[in-house]
Each structure stands twice: as structure tokens, then as C-alpha cells.
Protein backbone atom coordinates (compact mmCIF):
# COMPACT_ATOMS: atom_id res chain seq x y z
CA UNK A 1 2.03 19.28 -2.14
CA UNK A 2 0.79 20.35 0.76
CA UNK A 3 0.62 18.13 3.46
CA UNK A 4 -1.45 18.27 6.61
CA UNK A 5 0.87 18.16 9.87
CA UNK A 6 1.36 15.17 12.11
CA UNK A 7 -0.86 17.00 14.94
CA UNK A 8 -3.42 17.89 12.51
CA UNK A 9 -3.54 14.20 11.95
CA UNK A 10 -6.77 11.69 13.80
CA UNK A 11 -4.32 9.43 16.27
CA UNK A 12 -4.17 6.45 16.79
CA UNK A 13 -2.26 3.07 15.60
CA UNK A 14 -4.08 1.61 12.53
CA UNK A 15 -0.82 -1.39 12.17
CA UNK A 16 1.65 -2.57 14.42
CA UNK A 17 4.82 -5.18 13.16
CA UNK A 18 6.89 -6.56 16.00
CA UNK A 19 9.91 -8.46 15.33
CA UNK A 20 8.79 -9.81 12.33
CA UNK A 21 11.56 -12.59 10.96
CA UNK A 22 10.77 -14.38 7.62
CA UNK A 23 13.23 -17.15 6.95
CA UNK A 24 12.72 -19.01 3.76
CA UNK A 25 13.67 -22.78 3.57
CA UNK A 26 15.99 -24.60 6.57
CA UNK A 27 19.54 -25.72 7.75
CA UNK A 28 22.44 -24.53 5.47
CA UNK A 29 19.98 -23.40 2.62
CA UNK A 30 18.30 -20.62 5.03
CA UNK A 31 17.64 -17.48 3.53
CA UNK A 32 16.70 -14.40 5.85
CA UNK A 33 14.56 -12.15 4.21
CA UNK A 34 13.18 -10.32 7.36
CA UNK A 35 15.78 -9.87 10.98
CA UNK A 36 13.41 -8.63 13.49
CA UNK A 37 11.41 -6.10 11.47
CA UNK A 38 9.46 -3.30 13.74
CA UNK A 39 7.32 -0.74 12.71
CA UNK A 40 3.97 1.10 13.86
CA UNK A 41 1.91 2.42 11.28
CA UNK A 42 -0.95 5.29 12.11
CA UNK A 43 -4.00 6.68 11.20
CA UNK A 44 -4.00 9.74 8.42
CA UNK A 45 0.15 8.64 7.71
CA UNK A 46 1.61 8.16 4.24
CA UNK A 47 5.06 5.39 4.48
CA UNK A 48 7.31 4.61 2.10
CA UNK A 49 8.78 1.64 2.21
CA UNK A 50 12.74 1.48 0.11
CA UNK A 51 15.83 -0.30 0.17
CA UNK A 52 17.98 -1.72 -2.95
CA UNK A 53 16.82 -5.14 -4.43
CA UNK A 54 16.91 -7.95 -2.10
CA UNK A 55 16.45 -5.63 0.86
CA UNK A 56 13.16 -7.58 1.88
CA UNK A 57 11.02 -4.49 1.37
CA UNK A 58 8.35 -6.59 -0.73
CA UNK A 59 8.76 -9.11 1.52
CA UNK A 60 8.07 -6.81 4.09
CA UNK A 61 4.72 -5.42 2.41
CA UNK A 62 3.38 -8.67 1.98
CA UNK A 63 3.98 -9.82 5.40
CA UNK A 64 2.02 -6.79 6.67
CA UNK A 65 -0.70 -7.52 4.23
CA UNK A 66 -1.23 -11.39 4.91
CA UNK A 67 0.20 -12.40 1.70
CA UNK A 68 2.82 -14.30 3.59
CA UNK A 69 3.00 -15.80 6.38
CA UNK A 70 6.02 -14.54 9.12
CA UNK A 71 8.56 -16.81 10.88
CA UNK A 72 8.12 -15.31 14.05
CA UNK A 73 6.94 -11.92 15.46
CA UNK A 74 3.75 -10.44 15.44
CA UNK A 75 1.96 -8.49 13.10
CA UNK A 76 -1.67 -6.84 14.93
CA UNK A 77 -4.31 -4.69 12.97
CA UNK A 78 -6.45 -2.77 15.39
CA UNK A 79 -6.70 -5.73 18.41
CA UNK A 80 -6.29 -8.71 16.17
CA UNK A 81 -2.74 -10.53 15.37
CA UNK A 82 -2.75 -11.57 11.75
CA UNK A 83 -0.27 -14.16 12.52
CA UNK A 84 -2.19 -16.21 14.46
CA UNK A 85 -5.10 -16.36 12.08
CA UNK A 86 -6.48 -18.81 9.78
CA UNK A 87 -6.92 -18.81 5.96
CA UNK A 88 -10.22 -18.18 6.29
CA UNK A 89 -10.64 -15.62 8.59
CA UNK A 90 -6.96 -14.02 6.99
CA UNK A 91 -8.61 -13.97 3.70
CA UNK A 92 -12.17 -12.25 5.43
CA UNK A 93 -9.64 -9.24 7.57
CA UNK A 94 -7.78 -8.63 4.33
CA UNK A 95 -11.57 -8.49 2.17
CA UNK A 96 -12.85 -6.17 4.95
CA UNK A 97 -10.02 -4.37 6.34
CA UNK A 98 -7.32 -3.80 3.97
CA UNK A 99 -7.08 -2.85 0.00
CA UNK A 100 -3.99 -3.20 -2.09
CA UNK A 101 -2.74 -1.96 -5.51
CA UNK A 102 -0.17 -3.36 -7.25
CA UNK A 103 2.25 -3.09 -10.28
CA UNK A 104 -0.28 -4.80 -12.41
CA UNK A 105 -3.75 -3.34 -12.20
CA UNK A 106 -5.36 -7.17 -11.44
CA UNK A 107 -8.74 -5.68 -13.15
CA UNK A 108 -10.93 -8.00 -14.52
CA UNK A 109 -10.49 -7.76 -18.35
CA UNK A 110 -14.68 -8.70 -19.13
CA UNK A 111 -16.15 -6.24 -16.50
CA UNK A 112 -16.28 -2.56 -17.24
CA UNK A 113 -14.26 -0.09 -14.92
CA UNK A 114 -17.55 0.55 -12.64
CA UNK A 115 -18.10 -3.44 -12.01
CA UNK A 116 -14.50 -3.81 -11.39
CA UNK A 117 -14.56 -0.96 -8.52
CA UNK A 118 -17.98 -2.46 -7.03
CA UNK A 119 -16.24 -6.05 -7.23
CA UNK A 120 -14.72 -6.25 -3.63
CA UNK A 121 -17.72 -5.11 -2.22
CA UNK A 122 -19.84 -7.31 -3.87
CA UNK A 123 -17.61 -10.70 -3.34
CA UNK A 124 -18.01 -9.38 0.74
CA UNK A 125 -21.91 -8.86 0.27
CA UNK A 126 -22.01 -5.39 0.78
CA UNK A 127 -23.80 -2.90 -1.07
CA UNK A 128 -21.78 -0.13 -1.89
CA UNK A 129 -22.03 3.49 -0.33
CA UNK A 130 -23.37 5.49 -3.27
CA UNK A 131 -22.01 9.09 -1.72
CA UNK A 132 -18.76 7.61 -1.26
CA UNK A 133 -18.53 5.76 -4.49
CA UNK A 134 -18.88 9.34 -6.24
CA UNK A 135 -16.70 10.95 -4.42
CA UNK A 136 -13.62 8.37 -5.16
CA UNK A 137 -15.09 8.14 -8.66
CA UNK A 138 -14.70 11.82 -9.20
CA UNK A 139 -11.64 12.33 -7.67
CA UNK A 140 -10.25 9.99 -9.87
CA UNK A 141 -11.51 11.36 -13.01
CA UNK A 142 -13.20 8.29 -13.52
CA UNK A 143 -16.49 9.37 -14.13
CA UNK A 144 -16.48 9.34 -18.05
CA UNK A 145 -14.60 5.91 -18.16
CA UNK A 146 -17.38 3.61 -15.83
CA UNK A 147 -18.63 2.11 -18.90
CA UNK A 148 -15.62 1.07 -20.60
CA UNK A 149 -13.58 -2.22 -20.60
CA UNK A 150 -9.74 -1.96 -19.03
CA UNK A 151 -8.29 -2.96 -22.50
CA UNK A 152 -10.24 0.56 -23.82
CA UNK A 153 -8.45 2.16 -20.65
CA UNK A 154 -4.76 3.75 -20.29
CA UNK A 155 -2.51 2.02 -18.41
CA UNK A 156 -3.06 5.01 -15.87
CA UNK A 157 -6.89 4.97 -16.37
CA UNK A 158 -6.65 1.35 -15.43
CA UNK A 159 -4.45 1.55 -12.13
CA UNK A 160 -6.75 4.81 -11.07
CA UNK A 161 -9.88 2.14 -11.20
CA UNK A 162 -7.39 -0.24 -9.00
CA UNK A 163 -7.21 2.56 -6.64
CA UNK A 164 -10.74 3.23 -6.75
CA UNK A 165 -11.66 -0.52 -6.11
CA UNK A 166 -9.07 -0.49 -3.42
CA UNK A 167 -10.65 2.51 -1.47
CA UNK A 168 -14.04 1.56 -2.13
CA UNK A 169 -14.34 -0.36 1.21
CA UNK A 170 -12.72 2.38 3.20
CA UNK A 171 -9.74 0.21 4.53
CA UNK A 172 -7.91 1.09 7.45
CA UNK A 173 -4.77 0.08 5.68
CA UNK A 174 -3.94 0.68 1.68
CA UNK A 175 -1.24 -1.61 0.58
CA UNK A 176 0.48 -0.25 -2.84
CA UNK A 177 3.19 -2.56 -4.13
CA UNK A 178 5.30 -0.22 -6.95
CA UNK A 179 2.01 1.25 -8.11
CA UNK A 180 3.88 3.11 -10.55
CA UNK A 181 5.99 0.68 -11.92
CA UNK A 182 4.20 0.22 -15.07
CA UNK A 183 2.83 3.89 -15.74
CA UNK A 184 4.67 6.92 -17.30
CA UNK A 185 5.23 9.89 -15.39
CA UNK A 186 2.21 11.61 -16.08
CA UNK A 187 -0.32 8.27 -15.33
CA UNK A 188 2.04 7.93 -12.23
CA UNK A 189 2.13 11.49 -10.96
CA UNK A 190 -2.15 11.34 -11.46
CA UNK A 191 -2.11 8.11 -9.30
CA UNK A 192 0.52 9.67 -6.70
CA UNK A 193 -1.19 12.74 -6.09
CA UNK A 194 -4.83 10.88 -5.36
CA UNK A 195 -2.82 8.79 -2.74
CA UNK A 196 -1.26 11.52 -1.18
CA UNK A 197 -4.87 13.34 -1.25
CA UNK A 198 -6.37 10.27 0.38
CA UNK A 199 -4.49 10.14 3.39
CA UNK A 200 -4.82 14.30 3.73
CA UNK A 201 -9.05 14.60 2.90
CA UNK A 202 -9.82 10.99 4.31
CA UNK A 203 -7.10 10.18 6.59
CA UNK A 204 -6.37 6.89 4.95
CA UNK A 205 -3.61 4.84 6.23
CA UNK A 206 -0.92 4.16 2.88
CA UNK A 207 2.09 2.04 3.12
CA UNK A 208 3.96 1.58 -0.28
CA UNK A 209 6.55 0.00 -2.08
CA UNK A 210 8.56 1.62 -4.25
CA UNK A 211 12.66 2.15 -5.68
CA UNK A 212 11.15 5.63 -6.69
CA UNK A 213 12.33 8.27 -4.90
CA UNK A 214 10.18 10.79 -6.60
CA UNK A 215 6.91 8.98 -5.29
CA UNK A 216 8.58 8.44 -2.24
CA UNK A 217 8.84 12.11 -1.72
CA UNK A 218 4.82 12.33 -1.71
CA UNK A 219 5.03 10.06 1.66
CA UNK A 220 4.77 11.34 5.00
CA UNK A 221 8.01 8.89 5.93
CA UNK A 222 10.29 6.35 4.38
CA UNK A 223 11.67 3.36 5.97
CA UNK A 224 14.94 1.89 4.39
CA UNK A 225 15.58 -1.70 4.42
CA UNK A 226 18.55 -3.45 4.00
CA UNK A 227 19.48 -6.75 4.87
CA UNK A 228 16.19 -7.45 6.06
CA UNK A 229 16.25 -4.95 8.92
CA UNK A 230 15.05 -1.05 8.89
CA UNK A 231 18.20 0.70 9.05
CA UNK A 232 17.14 4.15 8.58
CA UNK A 233 14.00 6.26 8.56
CA UNK A 234 13.25 9.55 6.73
CA UNK A 235 10.56 11.97 7.99
CA UNK A 236 9.14 14.95 5.54
CA UNK A 237 11.19 13.33 3.09
CA UNK A 238 12.31 15.32 -0.36
CA UNK A 239 13.66 13.58 -3.60
CA UNK A 240 17.29 14.63 -2.58
CA UNK A 241 16.84 13.50 0.68
CA UNK A 242 16.07 10.15 -0.43
CA UNK A 243 18.34 10.05 -3.19
CA UNK A 244 21.26 10.82 -0.22
CA UNK A 245 19.94 8.55 2.05
CA UNK A 246 19.91 4.92 -0.76
CA UNK A 247 23.25 6.01 -2.09
CA UNK A 248 24.46 6.08 1.56
CA UNK A 249 22.98 2.55 2.05
CA UNK A 250 23.79 1.03 -1.27
CA UNK A 251 27.06 2.45 -0.11
């Protein structure tokens, strides 16, 4: 994997989480999922979030993405504090400025690959940029599959369609939650290669939750969570280094 140096990336904060606390329940039954988590995400950076089961990594991603509310703290995208937005305004912000790739592909079965890719833009009332559409489709090797429905595609092809859909609107942040969890190793590698390429070639910001050290090694940095707090950070990770940090955290 060839990575552009941090100095070569476009500068600028895209998203900032400050002292984020997330508590479920109240009183004696309250569970603290996040305990004052802070992190900054810049343009053209690939961040992986890891941690043991129950560490809060998925909760943190969901709060960053506006899919879950915070108990306290702030999350800003550009100059917008997403924690203060109404449900309608937050939905619009997610649609216009964020992209999402999940472990389950979330494709509509009655639509073709092309229709699934174009869906988010059409719901927002925006026509796709043909040149950008072509760039994404060809980079992901989907040209021959555009008229196929999900049932006619492999899991890897379906996930590449989901990635194309997420990138079509040029989101400020692309969130990926275990994007290779349902894929074989070859298909997973193809998806990770493209996410890496999107960062290096298009200055895309990617935030990915994963349990897989191989996937984490595609990132520029790994944030390690345990018991709802960031307990470690690793720059330019390798598979062995991620394994070592995870063993230390899991103790």
C-alpha cells in the first residue's frame, strides 16, 4: 500500500468530537458507553477505531455520524455542532455531508446497481455528476454490473455498490462500520483497497470501525477504545503493531 505523506494531504479539520459522553439508562442501572471521548478528524485521513467488545467503538461511530445522540459534549462538522440540530436538520446534514457503508450492504433489492448508487442523490433532489459517477464506477470495477440487481451480485460486488453510493455525493466524511465483516478475504481486500485509494487520490476522510488488524493496517491511524475511553493511538499502523496493541489492551 502506497500512502501519501501527512504533509501532502490537504490540511483542515473536517470533524471534531469534544468530551463526548454517552450514557444509557439512569440511576443504578445507568451504563456509560462513552466517557469523555475527544478526537479530531482531518481531510484526507483514514482513521480506524478498534477495541474489545463493549469498548464503545460502535457507539462512538454512531454518535459521530449522528445516528445516535450524545448525553453531553459536542460533535462538529465544519462549523456545525450536530448535537444541537433538530432531527430534520440532522437528517439533511447526514444526507448532504456524510456517507455510510455498513456490514450489511443495505441495498434495495428491486433496484439495479446503478439505481442503488444514484439513490441518495435522487432523494436529495440532486443530479449526479456524470464524470464523478464514471470515475467511481470504473475504479470499483462495477461497469459490467450496473444493470444487475443485488441478488445477481456477489457480496463483494454488493459492498462495492454500497461504497459507490456512499461516495457519489462527495461526502465530507465516509463512515464504515465493519465494512468487510460479511466478505471473504479477497472481496474484503478489494473494498479496503478502494477506501485507501479514495483517501489518497480524492482526499476523502474515512472513519472505520473494525475488529480486524488487517483492515486497520490500511488506515493512517488507529484509535483504541476500552471501557468508553480512548486509551491508545497508533500512527501508520502495521498488522503486527495493531495485534500487539490489542493484546495489551485486552490484557
